[in-house]
Amino acid sequence: MLEETYRQLIELLLPAGLLEYFELTNTTKDSKGINIFLEEKNIVPEEYRDQTLHSKGFLPEIQVQDFPIRGQKVALCIKRRRWEVVGSGQIITRNWTLVRAGARMTTEFGLFLKGIFG
């Protein structure tokens, strides 16, 4: 029960829809503000669902500034996942343009994706 309560609280603080694709791994607070660490879940991208993929870790971490919480600056520290297509050896990542186009997402999550990719 308590775990579900924490999840609901986290969902209220983060951009809507974010926890569908990312897992909260850590939080820290320092003199600069709050850092929220997120890793992309190992969910095969829709366009590759008919192929065998092997997770190959993460791309370098990026930081996206989010809205302040209680007057503290917030940085979302994001690790995007990469996969290898078994057989071809091709390394792929989730195509967030397809996610944006195919999903009914909130404006907030759309702005979050724009923050990642410009």
PDB file of N, CA and C in Angstrom:
ATOM      1  N   MET A   1       0.820  -1.196   0.000  1.00  0.00           N
ATOM      2  CA  MET A   1       0.000   0.000   0.000  1.00  0.00           C
ATOM      3  C   MET A   1       0.866   1.263   0.000  1.00  0.00           C
ATOM      4  N   LEU A   2       1.886   1.289   0.856  1.00  0.00           N
ATOM      5  CA  LEU A   2       2.747   2.463   0.937  1.00  0.00           C
ATOM      6  C   LEU A   2       3.491   2.685  -0.378  1.00  0.00           C
ATOM      7  N   GLU A   3       3.907   1.584  -1.015  1.00  0.00           N
ATOM      8  CA  GLU A   3       4.613   1.704  -2.297  1.00  0.00           C
ATOM      9  C   GLU A   3       3.721   2.374  -3.343  1.00  0.00           C
ATOM     10  N   GLU A   4       2.445   2.006  -3.379  1.00  0.00           N
ATOM     11  CA  GLU A   4       1.510   2.608  -4.328  1.00  0.00           C
ATOM     12  C   GLU A   4       1.307   4.096  -4.017  1.00  0.00           C
ATOM     13  N   THR A   5       1.272   4.440  -2.744  1.00  0.00           N
ATOM     14  CA  THR A   5       1.131   5.839  -2.338  1.00  0.00           C
ATOM     15  C   THR A   5       2.320   6.660  -2.814  1.00  0.00           C
ATOM     16  N   TYR A   6       3.536   6.113  -2.653  1.00  0.00           N
ATOM     17  CA  TYR A   6       4.732   6.807  -3.132  1.00  0.00           C
ATOM     18  C   TYR A   6       4.696   6.966  -4.647  1.00  0.00           C
ATOM     19  N   ARG A   7       4.264   5.927  -5.342  1.00  0.00           N
ATOM     20  CA  ARG A   7       4.198   6.005  -6.806  1.00  0.00           C
ATOM     21  C   ARG A   7       3.234   7.117  -7.235  1.00  0.00           C
ATOM     22  N   GLN A   8       2.091   7.196  -6.587  1.00  0.00           N
ATOM     23  CA  GLN A   8       1.123   8.240  -6.921  1.00  0.00           C
ATOM     24  C   GLN A   8       1.707   9.625  -6.680  1.00  0.00           C
ATOM     25  N   LEU A   9       2.432   9.789  -5.582  1.00  0.00           N
ATOM     26  CA  LEU A   9       3.060  11.076  -5.281  1.00  0.00           C
ATOM     27  C   LEU A   9       4.096  11.431  -6.345  1.00  0.00           C
ATOM     28  N   ILE A  10       4.917  10.468  -6.718  1.00  0.00           N
ATOM     29  CA  ILE A  10       5.947  10.694  -7.738  1.00  0.00           C
ATOM     30  C   ILE A  10       5.301  11.073  -9.069  1.00  0.00           C
ATOM     31  N   GLU A  11       4.208  10.386  -9.426  1.00  0.00           N
ATOM     32  CA  GLU A  11       3.516  10.700 -10.675  1.00  0.00           C
ATOM     33  C   GLU A  11       2.987  12.132 -10.679  1.00  0.00           C
ATOM     34  N   LEU A  12       2.618  12.649  -9.521  1.00  0.00           N
ATOM     35  CA  LEU A  12       2.141  14.029  -9.434  1.00  0.00           C
ATOM     36  C   LEU A  12       3.267  15.039  -9.610  1.00  0.00           C
ATOM     37  N   LEU A  13       4.488  14.660  -9.229  1.00  0.00           N
ATOM     38  CA  LEU A  13       5.624  15.578  -9.290  1.00  0.00           C
ATOM     39  C   LEU A  13       6.333  15.579 -10.643  1.00  0.00           C
ATOM     40  N   LEU A  14       6.251  14.472 -11.368  1.00  0.00           N
ATOM     41  CA  LEU A  14       6.958  14.340 -12.647  1.00  0.00           C
ATOM     42  C   LEU A  14       6.017  14.635 -13.812  1.00  0.00           C
ATOM     43  N   PRO A  15       6.584  14.937 -14.992  1.00  0.00           N
ATOM     44  CA  PRO A  15       5.731  15.135 -16.167  1.00  0.00           C
ATOM     45  C   PRO A  15       4.808  13.932 -16.379  1.00  0.00           C
ATOM     46  N   ALA A  16       3.540  14.199 -16.643  1.00  0.00           N
ATOM     47  CA  ALA A  16       2.553  13.141 -16.837  1.00  0.00           C
ATOM     48  C   ALA A  16       2.986  12.203 -17.956  1.00  0.00           C
ATOM     49  N   GLY A  17       2.894  10.906 -17.716  1.00  0.00           N
ATOM     50  CA  GLY A  17       3.249   9.905 -18.715  1.00  0.00           C
ATOM     51  C   GLY A  17       4.685   9.443 -18.649  1.00  0.00           C
ATOM     52  N   LEU A  18       5.516  10.125 -17.893  1.00  0.00           N
ATOM     53  CA  LEU A  18       6.944   9.816 -17.841  1.00  0.00           C
ATOM     54  C   LEU A  18       7.221   8.419 -17.297  1.00  0.00           C
ATOM     55  N   LEU A  19       6.510   8.016 -16.251  1.00  0.00           N
ATOM     56  CA  LEU A  19       6.791   6.725 -15.619  1.00  0.00           C
ATOM     57  C   LEU A  19       6.321   5.538 -16.454  1.00  0.00           C
ATOM     58  N   GLU A  20       5.618   5.812 -17.548  1.00  0.00           N
ATOM     59  CA  GLU A  20       5.254   4.735 -18.473  1.00  0.00           C
ATOM     60  C   GLU A  20       6.506   4.209 -19.182  1.00  0.00           C
ATOM     61  N   TYR A  21       7.479   5.086 -19.414  1.00  0.00           N
ATOM     62  CA  TYR A  21       8.686   4.723 -20.154  1.00  0.00           C
ATOM     63  C   TYR A  21       9.958   4.742 -19.316  1.00  0.00           C
ATOM     64  N   PHE A  22       9.926   5.389 -18.153  1.00  0.00           N
ATOM     65  CA  PHE A  22      11.130   5.537 -17.338  1.00  0.00           C
ATOM     66  C   PHE A  22      10.884   5.070 -15.914  1.00  0.00           C
ATOM     67  N   GLU A  23      11.954   4.562 -15.301  1.00  0.00           N
ATOM     68  CA  GLU A  23      11.910   4.119 -13.912  1.00  0.00           C
ATOM     69  C   GLU A  23      12.728   5.083 -13.059  1.00  0.00           C
ATOM     70  N   LEU A  24      12.177   5.474 -11.936  1.00  0.00           N
ATOM     71  CA  LEU A  24      12.889   6.322 -10.984  1.00  0.00           C
ATOM     72  C   LEU A  24      13.942   5.467 -10.291  1.00  0.00           C
ATOM     73  N   THR A  25      15.215   5.878 -10.367  1.00  0.00           N
ATOM     74  CA  THR A  25      16.288   5.081  -9.767  1.00  0.00           C
ATOM     75  C   THR A  25      16.934   5.745  -8.566  1.00  0.00           C
ATOM     76  N   ASN A  26      16.853   7.074  -8.467  1.00  0.00           N
ATOM     77  CA  ASN A  26      17.504   7.759  -7.357  1.00  0.00           C
ATOM     78  C   ASN A  26      17.045   9.216  -7.326  1.00  0.00           C
ATOM     79  N   THR A  27      17.206   9.829  -6.170  1.00  0.00           N
ATOM     80  CA  THR A  27      17.034  11.274  -6.040  1.00  0.00           C
ATOM     81  C   THR A  27      18.131  11.790  -5.122  1.00  0.00           C
ATOM     82  N   THR A  28      18.602  12.992  -5.412  1.00  0.00           N
ATOM     83  CA  THR A  28      19.576  13.641  -4.534  1.00  0.00           C
ATOM     84  C   THR A  28      19.195  15.109  -4.414  1.00  0.00           C
ATOM     85  N   LYS A  29      19.646  15.716  -3.341  1.00  0.00           N
ATOM     86  CA  LYS A  29      19.436  17.146  -3.145  1.00  0.00           C
ATOM     87  C   LYS A  29      20.777  17.743  -2.760  1.00  0.00           C
ATOM     88  N   ASP A  30      21.160  18.805  -3.467  1.00  0.00           N
ATOM     89  CA  ASP A  30      22.402  19.500  -3.143  1.00  0.00           C
ATOM     90  C   ASP A  30      22.146  21.004  -3.178  1.00  0.00           C
ATOM     91  N   SER A  31      23.205  21.781  -3.126  1.00  0.00           N
ATOM     92  CA  SER A  31      23.049  23.240  -3.086  1.00  0.00           C
ATOM     93  C   SER A  31      22.425  23.802  -4.367  1.00  0.00           C
ATOM     94  N   LYS A  32      22.500  23.050  -5.472  1.00  0.00           N
ATOM     95  CA  LYS A  32      21.937  23.508  -6.742  1.00  0.00           C
ATOM     96  C   LYS A  32      20.460  23.153  -6.889  1.00  0.00           C
ATOM     97  N   GLY A  33      19.980  22.189  -6.109  1.00  0.00           N
ATOM     98  CA  GLY A  33      18.582  21.798  -6.207  1.00  0.00           C
ATOM     99  C   GLY A  33      18.399  20.301  -6.079  1.00  0.00           C
ATOM    100  N   ILE A  34      17.332  19.821  -6.685  1.00  0.00           N
ATOM    101  CA  ILE A  34      16.947  18.412  -6.616  1.00  0.00           C
ATOM    102  C   ILE A  34      17.290  17.742  -7.938  1.00  0.00           C
ATOM    103  N   ASN A  35      17.927  16.578  -7.857  1.00  0.00           N
ATOM    104  CA  ASN A  35      18.232  15.768  -9.035  1.00  0.00           C
ATOM    105  C   ASN A  35      17.387  14.504  -8.967  1.00  0.00           C
ATOM    106  N   ILE A  36      16.650  14.240 -10.031  1.00  0.00           N
ATOM    107  CA  ILE A  36      15.809  13.053 -10.119  1.00  0.00           C
ATOM    108  C   ILE A  36      16.377  12.192 -11.237  1.00  0.00           C
ATOM    109  N   PHE A  37      16.800  10.973 -10.893  1.00  0.00           N
ATOM    110  CA  PHE A  37      17.464  10.088 -11.838  1.00  0.00           C
ATOM    111  C   PHE A  37      16.464   9.079 -12.396  1.00  0.00           C
ATOM    112  N   LEU A  38      16.429   8.997 -13.724  1.00  0.00           N
ATOM    113  CA  LEU A  38      15.486   8.131 -14.424  1.00  0.00           C
ATOM    114  C   LEU A  38      16.220   7.294 -15.462  1.00  0.00           C
ATOM    115  N   GLU A  39      15.823   6.012 -15.565  1.00  0.00           N
ATOM    116  CA  GLU A  39      16.365   5.130 -16.599  1.00  0.00           C
ATOM    117  C   GLU A  39      15.208   4.607 -17.435  1.00  0.00           C
ATOM    118  N   GLU A  40      15.411   4.597 -18.747  1.00  0.00           N
ATOM    119  CA  GLU A  40      14.378   4.080 -19.636  1.00  0.00           C
ATOM    120  C   GLU A  40      14.164   2.595 -19.361  1.00  0.00           C
ATOM    121  N   LYS A  41      12.903   2.207 -19.272  1.00  0.00           N
ATOM    122  CA  LYS A  41      12.559   0.808 -19.023  1.00  0.00           C
ATOM    123  C   LYS A  41      12.948  -0.046 -20.223  1.00  0.00           C
ATOM    124  N   ASN A  42      13.177  -1.321 -19.956  1.00  0.00           N
ATOM    125  CA  ASN A  42      13.550  -2.255 -21.017  1.00  0.00           C
ATOM    126  C   ASN A  42      12.282  -2.767 -21.711  1.00  0.00           C
ATOM    127  N   ILE A  43      11.613  -1.849 -22.384  1.00  0.00           N
ATOM    128  CA  ILE A  43      10.405  -2.157 -23.151  1.00  0.00           C
ATOM    129  C   ILE A  43      10.767  -1.987 -24.621  1.00  0.00           C
ATOM    130  N   VAL A  44      10.646  -3.063 -25.375  1.00  0.00           N
ATOM    131  CA  VAL A  44      11.043  -3.048 -26.787  1.00  0.00           C
ATOM    132  C   VAL A  44      10.227  -1.989 -27.537  1.00  0.00           C
ATOM    133  N   PRO A  45      10.902  -1.135 -28.324  1.00  0.00           N
ATOM    134  CA  PRO A  45      10.173  -0.142 -29.128  1.00  0.00           C
ATOM    135  C   PRO A  45       9.174  -0.825 -30.062  1.00  0.00           C
ATOM    136  N   GLU A  46       8.015  -0.233 -30.182  1.00  0.00           N
ATOM    137  CA  GLU A  46       6.915  -0.809 -30.954  1.00  0.00           C
ATOM    138  C   GLU A  46       7.332  -1.203 -32.374  1.00  0.00           C
ATOM    139  N   GLU A  47       8.128  -0.363 -33.019  1.00  0.00           N
ATOM    140  CA  GLU A  47       8.499  -0.641 -34.414  1.00  0.00           C
ATOM    141  C   GLU A  47       9.459  -1.823 -34.554  1.00  0.00           C
ATOM    142  N   TYR A  48       9.990  -2.340 -33.426  1.00  0.00           N
ATOM    143  CA  TYR A  48      10.905  -3.486 -33.450  1.00  0.00           C
ATOM    144  C   TYR A  48      10.328  -4.699 -32.728  1.00  0.00           C
ATOM    145  N   ARG A  49       9.033  -4.705 -32.444  1.00  0.00           N
ATOM    146  CA  ARG A  49       8.450  -5.778 -31.632  1.00  0.00           C
ATOM    147  C   ARG A  49       8.531  -7.151 -32.285  1.00  0.00           C
ATOM    148  N   ASP A  50       8.658  -7.213 -33.623  1.00  0.00           N
ATOM    149  CA  ASP A  50       8.744  -8.498 -34.315  1.00  0.00           C
ATOM    150  C   ASP A  50      10.178  -8.994 -34.454  1.00  0.00           C
ATOM    151  N   GLN A  51      11.140  -8.256 -33.906  1.00  0.00           N
ATOM    152  CA  GLN A  51      12.544  -8.643 -33.994  1.00  0.00           C
ATOM    153  C   GLN A  51      13.069  -8.982 -32.602  1.00  0.00           C
ATOM    154  N   THR A  52      14.135  -9.764 -32.571  1.00  0.00           N
ATOM    155  CA  THR A  52      14.760 -10.102 -31.300  1.00  0.00           C
ATOM    156  C   THR A  52      15.789  -9.033 -30.968  1.00  0.00           C
ATOM    157  N   LEU A  53      15.619  -8.404 -29.807  1.00  0.00           N
ATOM    158  CA  LEU A  53      16.527  -7.350 -29.364  1.00  0.00           C
ATOM    159  C   LEU A  53      17.203  -7.775 -28.070  1.00  0.00           C
ATOM    160  N   HIS A  54      18.413  -7.271 -27.888  1.00  0.00           N
ATOM    161  CA  HIS A  54      19.169  -7.495 -26.656  1.00  0.00           C
ATOM    162  C   HIS A  54      19.554  -6.127 -26.105  1.00  0.00           C
ATOM    163  N   SER A  55      19.182  -5.863 -24.853  1.00  0.00           N
ATOM    164  CA  SER A  55      19.517  -4.574 -24.248  1.00  0.00           C
ATOM    165  C   SER A  55      21.026  -4.421 -24.166  1.00  0.00           C
ATOM    166  N   LYS A  56      21.519  -3.269 -24.584  1.00  0.00           N
ATOM    167  CA  LYS A  56      22.965  -2.991 -24.579  1.00  0.00           C
ATOM    168  C   LYS A  56      23.292  -1.801 -23.689  1.00  0.00           C
ATOM    169  N   GLY A  57      22.542  -1.649 -22.604  1.00  0.00           N
ATOM    170  CA  GLY A  57      22.848  -0.575 -21.667  1.00  0.00           C
ATOM    171  C   GLY A  57      22.202   0.739 -22.057  1.00  0.00           C
ATOM    172  N   PHE A  58      22.911   1.825 -21.733  1.00  0.00           N
ATOM    173  CA  PHE A  58      22.321   3.149 -21.865  1.00  0.00           C
ATOM    174  C   PHE A  58      23.229   4.097 -22.635  1.00  0.00           C
ATOM    175  N   LEU A  59      22.595   5.108 -23.225  1.00  0.00           N
ATOM    176  CA  LEU A  59      23.322   6.229 -23.810  1.00  0.00           C
ATOM    177  C   LEU A  59      23.830   7.101 -22.665  1.00  0.00           C
ATOM    178  N   PRO A  60      24.760   8.009 -22.930  1.00  0.00           N
ATOM    179  CA  PRO A  60      25.213   8.917 -21.865  1.00  0.00           C
ATOM    180  C   PRO A  60      24.032   9.697 -21.270  1.00  0.00           C
ATOM    181  N   GLU A  61      24.109   9.931 -19.983  1.00  0.00           N
ATOM    182  CA  GLU A  61      23.048  10.636 -19.267  1.00  0.00           C
ATOM    183  C   GLU A  61      22.914  12.073 -19.754  1.00  0.00           C
ATOM    184  N   ILE A  62      21.676  12.522 -19.863  1.00  0.00           N
ATOM    185  CA  ILE A  62      21.402  13.924 -20.181  1.00  0.00           C
ATOM    186  C   ILE A  62      20.587  14.518 -19.034  1.00  0.00           C
ATOM    187  N   GLN A  63      20.620  15.844 -18.922  1.00  0.00           N
ATOM    188  CA  GLN A  63      19.837  16.526 -17.894  1.00  0.00           C
ATOM    189  C   GLN A  63      18.847  17.479 -18.548  1.00  0.00           C
ATOM    190  N   VAL A  64      17.627  17.434 -18.058  1.00  0.00           N
ATOM    191  CA  VAL A  64      16.565  18.319 -18.524  1.00  0.00           C
ATOM    192  C   VAL A  64      16.047  19.076 -17.309  1.00  0.00           C
ATOM    193  N   GLN A  65      15.970  20.392 -17.413  1.00  0.00           N
ATOM    194  CA  GLN A  65      15.435  21.194 -16.313  1.00  0.00           C
ATOM    195  C   GLN A  65      13.915  21.072 -16.292  1.00  0.00           C
ATOM    196  N   ASP A  66      13.376  20.805 -15.118  1.00  0.00           N
ATOM    197  CA  ASP A  66      11.935  20.686 -14.948  1.00  0.00           C
ATOM    198  C   ASP A  66      11.454  21.833 -14.065  1.00  0.00           C
ATOM    199  N   PHE A  67      10.163  21.900 -13.831  1.00  0.00           N
ATOM    200  CA  PHE A  67       9.607  22.944 -12.983  1.00  0.00           C
ATOM    201  C   PHE A  67      10.115  22.780 -11.556  1.00  0.00           C
ATOM    202  N   PRO A  68      10.348  23.873 -10.860  1.00  0.00           N
ATOM    203  CA  PRO A  68      10.817  23.792  -9.468  1.00  0.00           C
ATOM    204  C   PRO A  68       9.808  23.087  -8.558  1.00  0.00           C
ATOM    205  N   ILE A  69      10.339  22.475  -7.516  1.00  0.00           N
ATOM    206  CA  ILE A  69       9.519  21.866  -6.466  1.00  0.00           C
ATOM    207  C   ILE A  69       9.860  22.580  -5.167  1.00  0.00           C
ATOM    208  N   ARG A  70       8.867  23.196  -4.555  1.00  0.00           N
ATOM    209  CA  ARG A  70       9.053  23.925  -3.287  1.00  0.00           C
ATOM    210  C   ARG A  70      10.229  24.899  -3.353  1.00  0.00           C
ATOM    211  N   GLY A  71      10.340  25.608  -4.472  1.00  0.00           N
ATOM    212  CA  GLY A  71      11.378  26.617  -4.633  1.00  0.00           C
ATOM    213  C   GLY A  71      12.745  26.072  -4.992  1.00  0.00           C
ATOM    214  N   GLN A  72      12.863  24.770  -5.156  1.00  0.00           N
ATOM    215  CA  GLN A  72      14.140  24.144  -5.507  1.00  0.00           C
ATOM    216  C   GLN A  72      14.176  23.855  -7.007  1.00  0.00           C
ATOM    217  N   LYS A  73      15.293  24.162  -7.663  1.00  0.00           N
ATOM    218  CA  LYS A  73      15.459  23.784  -9.063  1.00  0.00           C
ATOM    219  C   LYS A  73      15.440  22.261  -9.156  1.00  0.00           C
ATOM    220  N   VAL A  74      14.894  21.766 -10.262  1.00  0.00           N
ATOM    221  CA  VAL A  74      14.794  20.322 -10.462  1.00  0.00           C
ATOM    222  C   VAL A  74      15.459  19.955 -11.778  1.00  0.00           C
ATOM    223  N   ALA A  75      16.363  18.987 -11.710  1.00  0.00           N
ATOM    224  CA  ALA A  75      17.000  18.443 -12.912  1.00  0.00           C
ATOM    225  C   ALA A  75      16.590  16.985 -13.048  1.00  0.00           C
ATOM    226  N   LEU A  76      16.047  16.638 -14.211  1.00  0.00           N
ATOM    227  CA  LEU A  76      15.759  15.246 -14.517  1.00  0.00           C
ATOM    228  C   LEU A  76      16.993  14.687 -15.213  1.00  0.00           C
ATOM    229  N   CYS A  77      17.641  13.723 -14.586  1.00  0.00           N
ATOM    230  CA  CYS A  77      18.870  13.109 -15.101  1.00  0.00           C
ATOM    231  C   CYS A  77      18.463  11.802 -15.768  1.00  0.00           C
ATOM    232  N   ILE A  78      18.493  11.789 -17.091  1.00  0.00           N
ATOM    233  CA  ILE A  78      17.846  10.736 -17.867  1.00  0.00           C
ATOM    234  C   ILE A  78      18.863   9.871 -18.595  1.00  0.00           C
ATOM    235  N   LYS A  79      18.684   8.557 -18.446  1.00  0.00           N
ATOM    236  CA  LYS A  79      19.472   7.596 -19.213  1.00  0.00           C
ATOM    237  C   LYS A  79      18.523   6.885 -20.171  1.00  0.00           C
ATOM    238  N   ARG A  80      18.769   7.094 -21.470  1.00  0.00           N
ATOM    239  CA  ARG A  80      17.979   6.415 -22.499  1.00  0.00           C
ATOM    240  C   ARG A  80      18.625   5.081 -22.820  1.00  0.00           C
ATOM    241  N   ARG A  81      17.793   4.091 -23.045  1.00  0.00           N
ATOM    242  CA  ARG A  81      18.267   2.732 -23.309  1.00  0.00           C
ATOM    243  C   ARG A  81      18.617   2.558 -24.788  1.00  0.00           C
ATOM    244  N   ARG A  82      19.511   1.625 -25.039  1.00  0.00           N
ATOM    245  CA  ARG A  82      19.810   1.225 -26.419  1.00  0.00           C
ATOM    246  C   ARG A  82      19.740  -0.298 -26.486  1.00  0.00           C
ATOM    247  N   TRP A  83      19.425  -0.782 -27.684  1.00  0.00           N
ATOM    248  CA  TRP A  83      19.295  -2.215 -27.910  1.00  0.00           C
ATOM    249  C   TRP A  83      20.096  -2.602 -29.146  1.00  0.00           C
ATOM    250  N   GLU A  84      20.464  -3.874 -29.193  1.00  0.00           N
ATOM    251  CA  GLU A  84      21.097  -4.442 -30.385  1.00  0.00           C
ATOM    252  C   GLU A  84      20.087  -5.368 -31.046  1.00  0.00           C
ATOM    253  N   VAL A  85      19.930  -5.224 -32.367  1.00  0.00           N
ATOM    254  CA  VAL A  85      19.074  -6.124 -33.125  1.00  0.00           C
ATOM    255  C   VAL A  85      19.877  -7.401 -33.342  1.00  0.00           C
ATOM    256  N   VAL A  86      19.400  -8.501 -32.746  1.00  0.00           N
ATOM    257  CA  VAL A  86      20.110  -9.774 -32.852  1.00  0.00           C
ATOM    258  C   VAL A  86      20.099 -10.210 -34.315  1.00  0.00           C
ATOM    259  N   GLY A  87      21.228 -10.604 -34.814  1.00  0.00           N
ATOM    260  CA  GLY A  87      21.357 -11.030 -36.204  1.00  0.00           C
ATOM    261  C   GLY A  87      22.054  -9.984 -37.051  1.00  0.00           C
ATOM    262  N   SER A  88      21.599  -8.730 -36.959  1.00  0.00           N
ATOM    263  CA  SER A  88      22.215  -7.676 -37.776  1.00  0.00           C
ATOM    264  C   SER A  88      23.277  -6.905 -37.001  1.00  0.00           C
ATOM    265  N   GLY A  89      23.179  -6.909 -35.672  1.00  0.00           N
ATOM    266  CA  GLY A  89      24.130  -6.149 -34.863  1.00  0.00           C
ATOM    267  C   GLY A  89      23.838  -4.656 -34.824  1.00  0.00           C
ATOM    268  N   GLN A  90      22.759  -4.227 -35.469  1.00  0.00           N
ATOM    269  CA  GLN A  90      22.393  -2.806 -35.490  1.00  0.00           C
ATOM    270  C   GLN A  90      22.024  -2.351 -34.077  1.00  0.00           C
ATOM    271  N   ILE A  91      22.522  -1.182 -33.680  1.00  0.00           N
ATOM    272  CA  ILE A  91      22.176  -0.591 -32.390  1.00  0.00           C
ATOM    273  C   ILE A  91      21.053   0.416 -32.616  1.00  0.00           C
ATOM    274  N   ILE A  92      19.981   0.270 -31.850  1.00  0.00           N
ATOM    275  CA  ILE A  92      18.827   1.156 -32.010  1.00  0.00           C
ATOM    276  C   ILE A  92      18.442   1.771 -30.663  1.00  0.00           C
ATOM    277  N   THR A  93      17.684   2.863 -30.739  1.00  0.00           N
ATOM    278  CA  THR A  93      17.088   3.490 -29.560  1.00  0.00           C
ATOM    279  C   THR A  93      15.615   3.734 -29.873  1.00  0.00           C
ATOM    280  N   ARG A  94      14.844   4.034 -28.854  1.00  0.00           N
ATOM    281  CA  ARG A  94      13.428   4.323 -29.072  1.00  0.00           C
ATOM    282  C   ARG A  94      13.301   5.587 -29.920  1.00  0.00           C
ATOM    283  N   ASN A  95      12.420   5.542 -30.898  1.00  0.00           N
ATOM    284  CA  ASN A  95      12.151   6.692 -31.753  1.00  0.00           C
ATOM    285  C   ASN A  95      11.045   7.518 -31.090  1.00  0.00           C
ATOM    286  N   TRP A  96      11.456   8.550 -30.364  1.00  0.00           N
ATOM    287  CA  TRP A  96      10.486   9.342 -29.604  1.00  0.00           C
ATOM    288  C   TRP A  96       9.554  10.132 -30.510  1.00  0.00           C
ATOM    289  N   THR A  97       9.943  10.375 -31.759  1.00  0.00           N
ATOM    290  CA  THR A  97       9.041  11.040 -32.702  1.00  0.00           C
ATOM    291  C   THR A  97       7.829  10.153 -32.961  1.00  0.00           C
ATOM    292  N   LEU A  98       8.067   8.836 -33.087  1.00  0.00           N
ATOM    293  CA  LEU A  98       6.952   7.906 -33.276  1.00  0.00           C
ATOM    294  C   LEU A  98       6.091   7.825 -32.025  1.00  0.00           C
ATOM    295  N   VAL A  99       6.714   7.872 -30.865  1.00  0.00           N
ATOM    296  CA  VAL A  99       5.954   7.853 -29.614  1.00  0.00           C
ATOM    297  C   VAL A  99       5.042   9.069 -29.556  1.00  0.00           C
ATOM    298  N   ARG A 100       5.594  10.245 -29.892  1.00  0.00           N
ATOM    299  CA  ARG A 100       4.788  11.475 -29.883  1.00  0.00           C
ATOM    300  C   ARG A 100       3.636  11.388 -30.872  1.00  0.00           C
ATOM    301  N   ALA A 101       3.920  10.865 -32.078  1.00  0.00           N
ATOM    302  CA  ALA A 101       2.906  10.822 -33.128  1.00  0.00           C
ATOM    303  C   ALA A 101       1.814   9.803 -32.811  1.00  0.00           C
ATOM    304  N   GLY A 102       2.188   8.673 -32.202  1.00  0.00           N
ATOM    305  CA  GLY A 102       1.233   7.590 -32.002  1.00  0.00           C
ATOM    306  C   GLY A 102       0.526   7.592 -30.667  1.00  0.00           C
ATOM    307  N   ALA A 103       0.931   8.433 -29.764  1.00  0.00           N
ATOM    308  CA  ALA A 103       0.365   8.399 -28.417  1.00  0.00           C
ATOM    309  C   ALA A 103      -0.513   9.610 -28.175  1.00  0.00           C
ATOM    310  N   ARG A 104      -1.518   9.386 -27.374  1.00  0.00           N
ATOM    311  CA  ARG A 104      -2.296  10.512 -26.865  1.00  0.00           C
ATOM    312  C   ARG A 104      -1.595  10.936 -25.588  1.00  0.00           C
ATOM    313  N   MET A 105      -0.720  11.894 -25.698  1.00  0.00           N
ATOM    314  CA  MET A 105       0.062  12.289 -24.530  1.00  0.00           C
ATOM    315  C   MET A 105      -0.334  13.681 -24.082  1.00  0.00           C
ATOM    316  N   THR A 106      -0.008  13.941 -22.854  1.00  0.00           N
ATOM    317  CA  THR A 106      -0.292  15.263 -22.322  1.00  0.00           C
ATOM    318  C   THR A 106       0.673  16.270 -22.931  1.00  0.00           C
ATOM    319  N   THR A 107       0.280  17.516 -22.921  1.00  0.00           N
ATOM    320  CA  THR A 107       1.167  18.589 -23.371  1.00  0.00           C
ATOM    321  C   THR A 107       2.452  18.568 -22.565  1.00  0.00           C
ATOM    322  N   GLU A 108       2.321  18.272 -21.271  1.00  0.00           N
ATOM    323  CA  GLU A 108       3.477  18.250 -20.378  1.00  0.00           C
ATOM    324  C   GLU A 108       4.505  17.209 -20.822  1.00  0.00           C
ATOM    325  N   PHE A 109       4.048  15.994 -21.171  1.00  0.00           N
ATOM    326  CA  PHE A 109       4.977  14.956 -21.607  1.00  0.00           C
ATOM    327  C   PHE A 109       5.556  15.314 -22.971  1.00  0.00           C
ATOM    328  N   GLY A 110       4.762  15.918 -23.833  1.00  0.00           N
ATOM    329  CA  GLY A 110       5.272  16.388 -25.120  1.00  0.00           C
ATOM    330  C   GLY A 110       6.375  17.417 -24.946  1.00  0.00           C
ATOM    331  N   LEU A 111       6.198  18.343 -24.004  1.00  0.00           N
ATOM    332  CA  LEU A 111       7.239  19.341 -23.718  1.00  0.00           C
ATOM    333  C   LEU A 111       8.483  18.687 -23.133  1.00  0.00           C
ATOM    334  N   PHE A 112       8.290  17.650 -22.324  1.00  0.00           N
ATOM    335  CA  PHE A 112       9.421  16.908 -21.777  1.00  0.00           C
ATOM    336  C   PHE A 112      10.237  16.288 -22.910  1.00  0.00           C
ATOM    337  N   LEU A 113       9.565  15.624 -23.851  1.00  0.00           N
ATOM    338  CA  LEU A 113      10.274  15.014 -24.983  1.00  0.00           C
ATOM    339  C   LEU A 113      10.976  16.082 -25.809  1.00  0.00           C
ATOM    340  N   LYS A 114      10.330  17.225 -25.977  1.00  0.00           N
ATOM    341  CA  LYS A 114      10.965  18.321 -26.712  1.00  0.00           C
ATOM    342  C   LYS A 114      12.226  18.778 -25.987  1.00  0.00           C
ATOM    343  N   GLY A 115      12.200  18.772 -24.654  1.00  0.00           N
ATOM    344  CA  GLY A 115      13.380  19.132 -23.868  1.00  0.00           C
ATOM    345  C   GLY A 115      14.530  18.177 -24.081  1.00  0.00           C
ATOM    346  N   ILE A 116      14.223  16.914 -24.314  1.00  0.00           N
ATOM    347  CA  ILE A 116      15.271  15.919 -24.554  1.00  0.00           C
ATOM    348  C   ILE A 116      15.892  16.117 -25.931  1.00  0.00           C
ATOM    349  N   PHE A 117      15.043  16.340 -26.931  1.00  0.00           N
ATOM    350  CA  PHE A 117      15.518  16.324 -28.315  1.00  0.00           C
ATOM    351  C   PHE A 117      15.537  17.675 -28.995  1.00  0.00           C
ATOM    352  N   GLY A 118      15.056  18.706 -28.316  1.00  0.00           N
ATOM    353  CA  GLY A 118      15.081  20.037 -28.909  1.00  0.00           C
ATOM    354  C   GLY A 118      13.963  20.298 -29.859  1.00  0.00           C
TER     355      GLY A 118
END
